[in-house]
């Protein structure tokens, strides 16, 4: 099963064959589709690195899925820490999020998978920026978008992910009980 992305079984072929805007390896020299370029980082690099150390495609695919699920688990765990300190609640919530039917049906499509990672992570990073005012969180946001750039292959999912900033902002205003315009002047302008 390869899902929506036919390259899922071996993203390493992306690095080998589709690094340029035109490729003689696909569609008889037609332009390479945006989806191919957007999965070079991190998908293609992950597979290529494992290929370099001698790991086969089947093992690489399994490792990719396991690493992705682990990162989803970590992202949602960090998000849930904003709401509770109870480890059992965080663990159960993270398990339900990371191992839900939606998550498993999304693993075969890069944009959906990265959205599962980015939504809680961007919420936490923006909330921490608003709370602490430290610009390092802007750098972290850039790194998240650079590493998980596969979300750009689907504009509606990208826009839905960006709504996270609005929700995080409203949550901060509610939780920290700050004046709206004062926050806009001090943190956003």
Protein backbone atom coordinates (compact mmCIF):
# COMPACT_ATOMS: atom_id res chain seq x y z
CA UNK A 1 0.00 0.00 0.00
CA UNK A 2 1.48 3.35 -0.98
CA UNK A 3 -1.45 5.67 -0.31
CA UNK A 4 -1.77 9.03 -2.03
CA UNK A 5 1.95 9.41 -2.56
CA UNK A 6 3.40 6.85 -4.90
CA UNK A 7 6.94 7.57 -3.65
CA UNK A 8 6.20 6.60 -0.04
CA UNK A 9 7.87 3.22 -0.40
CA UNK A 10 11.16 4.92 -1.26
CA UNK A 11 11.50 8.66 -0.88
CA UNK A 12 15.19 8.18 -1.63
CA UNK A 13 14.28 8.11 -5.34
CA UNK A 14 13.21 11.75 -4.94
CA UNK A 15 16.75 12.73 -4.01
CA UNK A 16 18.21 10.60 -6.82
CA UNK A 17 15.92 11.56 -9.68
CA UNK A 18 13.82 14.64 -8.96
CA UNK A 19 16.09 17.35 -7.57
CA UNK A 20 15.58 19.69 -10.51
CA UNK A 21 12.52 21.42 -11.95
CA UNK A 22 12.71 19.29 -15.10
CA UNK A 23 13.38 15.58 -15.09
CA UNK A 24 13.73 13.09 -17.90
CA UNK A 25 12.74 10.40 -15.40
CA UNK A 26 9.10 11.46 -15.14
CA UNK A 27 6.41 12.27 -17.72
CA UNK A 28 8.89 12.13 -20.61
CA UNK A 29 10.72 15.25 -19.49
CA UNK A 30 7.73 17.22 -18.25
CA UNK A 31 8.09 19.48 -15.20
CA UNK A 32 8.39 17.72 -11.87
CA UNK A 33 5.34 18.24 -9.68
CA UNK A 34 5.58 20.37 -6.52
CA UNK A 35 4.78 17.37 -4.33
CA UNK A 36 8.04 15.76 -5.37
CA UNK A 37 10.18 18.73 -4.34
CA UNK A 38 8.37 19.31 -1.09
CA UNK A 39 9.16 15.83 0.21
CA UNK A 40 12.91 16.04 -0.37
CA UNK A 41 13.21 17.55 3.14
CA UNK A 42 12.94 15.59 5.43
CA UNK A 43 11.47 12.50 3.74
CA UNK A 44 13.98 12.05 0.94
CA UNK A 45 16.95 12.91 3.11
CA UNK A 46 15.79 10.45 5.79
CA UNK A 47 15.54 7.59 3.28
CA UNK A 48 18.78 8.57 1.54
CA UNK A 49 20.69 8.67 4.85
CA UNK A 50 19.43 5.22 5.78
CA UNK A 51 20.29 3.95 2.30
CA UNK A 52 23.79 5.38 2.74
CA UNK A 53 24.35 3.32 5.92
CA UNK A 54 23.00 0.18 4.26
CA UNK A 55 19.41 0.05 5.49
CA UNK A 56 16.92 -1.44 3.01
CA UNK A 57 13.76 0.29 1.82
CA UNK A 58 11.38 -1.85 3.89
CA UNK A 59 13.24 -1.10 7.11
CA UNK A 60 13.58 2.58 6.14
CA UNK A 61 9.84 2.82 5.56
CA UNK A 62 9.09 1.25 8.94
CA UNK A 63 11.59 3.53 10.67
CA UNK A 64 10.10 6.56 8.93
CA UNK A 65 6.62 5.68 10.18
CA UNK A 66 7.89 4.98 13.71
CA UNK A 67 9.90 8.21 13.89
CA UNK A 68 6.92 10.16 12.55
CA UNK A 69 4.58 8.64 15.15
CA UNK A 70 7.12 9.36 17.88
CA UNK A 71 7.39 13.02 16.82
CA UNK A 72 3.59 13.31 16.69
CA UNK A 73 3.48 11.83 20.20
CA UNK A 74 6.08 14.32 21.48
CA UNK A 75 4.36 17.31 19.84
CA UNK A 76 0.95 16.55 21.31
CA UNK A 77 2.48 15.76 24.71
CA UNK A 78 4.11 19.19 24.77
CA UNK A 79 0.81 20.77 23.75
CA UNK A 80 -1.14 18.99 26.50
CA UNK A 81 1.32 20.26 29.12
CA UNK A 82 -0.21 23.71 28.61
CA UNK A 83 -3.49 22.40 30.00
CA UNK A 84 -2.49 19.95 32.72
CA UNK A 85 0.47 18.73 34.75
CA UNK A 86 -0.98 15.25 35.27
CA UNK A 87 1.28 12.77 33.53
CA UNK A 88 -1.46 10.17 33.18
CA UNK A 89 -3.78 12.61 31.37
CA UNK A 90 -0.95 13.71 29.06
CA UNK A 91 -0.02 10.09 28.32
CA UNK A 92 -3.58 8.96 27.58
CA UNK A 93 -4.34 12.06 25.50
CA UNK A 94 -1.11 11.65 23.55
CA UNK A 95 -1.82 7.99 22.87
CA UNK A 96 -5.31 8.77 21.60
CA UNK A 97 -4.00 11.55 19.35
CA UNK A 98 -0.91 9.78 18.04
CA UNK A 99 -2.55 6.41 17.46
CA UNK A 100 -6.01 7.42 16.29
CA UNK A 101 -7.66 6.24 13.10
CA UNK A 102 -7.15 9.68 11.54
CA UNK A 103 -3.43 9.59 12.29
CA UNK A 104 -2.99 6.17 10.72
CA UNK A 105 -4.98 7.16 7.65
CA UNK A 106 -2.85 10.31 7.36
CA UNK A 107 0.55 8.63 7.52
CA UNK A 108 0.52 7.97 3.79
CA UNK A 109 0.17 11.62 2.84
CA UNK A 110 2.94 14.02 3.80
CA UNK A 111 0.83 17.18 4.20
CA UNK A 112 -1.61 15.52 6.61
CA UNK A 113 1.15 13.85 8.59
CA UNK A 114 3.12 17.05 8.99
CA UNK A 115 -0.05 18.90 9.95
CA UNK A 116 -0.48 16.46 12.83
CA UNK A 117 2.98 17.43 14.05
CA UNK A 118 2.81 21.14 13.30
CA UNK A 119 -0.58 22.04 14.74
CA UNK A 120 0.24 21.33 18.40
CA UNK A 121 3.87 22.37 17.98
CA UNK A 122 3.10 25.77 16.43
CA UNK A 123 0.45 26.40 19.08
CA UNK A 124 3.00 25.82 21.84
CA UNK A 125 5.76 27.83 20.14
CA UNK A 126 3.54 30.85 19.48
CA UNK A 127 2.03 30.69 22.97
CA UNK A 128 5.53 30.61 24.49
CA UNK A 129 6.58 33.55 22.32
CA UNK A 130 3.59 35.58 23.51
CA UNK A 131 4.20 34.62 27.12
CA UNK A 132 7.96 35.14 27.22
CA UNK A 133 8.59 37.56 24.35
CA UNK A 134 11.73 35.66 23.35
CA UNK A 135 12.49 35.73 19.62
CA UNK A 136 14.06 32.27 19.75
CA UNK A 137 10.51 30.95 19.31
CA UNK A 138 10.38 32.69 15.91
CA UNK A 139 13.53 30.80 14.96
CA UNK A 140 11.91 27.55 16.14
CA UNK A 141 8.86 28.36 14.00
CA UNK A 142 11.10 28.86 10.98
CA UNK A 143 12.84 25.55 11.62
CA UNK A 144 9.51 23.73 11.94
CA UNK A 145 8.32 25.15 8.62
CA UNK A 146 11.63 24.43 6.91
CA UNK A 147 11.92 20.85 8.11
CA UNK A 148 8.23 20.04 7.64
CA UNK A 149 7.79 21.92 4.38
CA UNK A 150 5.77 19.05 2.94
CA UNK A 151 2.68 20.75 4.39
CA UNK A 152 2.96 23.29 1.55
CA UNK A 153 1.82 20.72 -1.02
CA UNK A 154 -1.78 21.16 0.07
CA UNK A 155 -2.89 24.79 0.44
CA UNK A 156 -6.10 24.09 2.44
CA UNK A 157 -4.14 22.07 4.98
CA UNK A 158 -1.51 24.77 5.21
CA UNK A 159 -4.19 27.39 5.85
CA UNK A 160 -5.86 25.19 8.46
CA UNK A 161 -2.49 24.79 10.15
CA UNK A 162 -1.98 28.56 10.14
CA UNK A 163 -5.27 29.02 12.02
CA UNK A 164 -3.32 27.55 14.94
CA UNK A 165 -1.71 30.97 15.44
CA UNK A 166 -5.09 32.64 15.85
CA UNK A 167 -6.30 30.01 18.30
CA UNK A 168 -3.04 30.21 20.26
CA UNK A 169 -3.33 34.00 20.41
CA UNK A 170 -6.91 33.83 21.70
CA UNK A 171 -5.96 31.16 24.23
CA UNK A 172 -3.10 33.33 25.48
CA UNK A 173 -5.38 36.37 25.85
CA UNK A 174 -7.89 34.24 27.78
CA UNK A 175 -5.44 32.33 29.99
CA UNK A 176 -3.06 35.15 30.82
CA UNK A 177 -5.86 37.70 31.20
CA UNK A 178 -4.01 40.39 29.28
CA UNK A 179 -5.42 43.40 27.54
CA UNK A 180 -5.79 42.69 23.86
CA UNK A 181 -4.38 45.93 22.42
CA UNK A 182 -1.53 46.04 24.87
CA UNK A 183 -0.50 42.57 23.76
CA UNK A 184 -0.70 43.53 20.09
CA UNK A 185 1.52 46.58 20.67
CA UNK A 186 4.13 44.84 22.82
CA UNK A 187 4.44 41.43 21.14
CA UNK A 188 3.16 41.65 17.60
CA UNK A 189 4.23 45.08 16.34
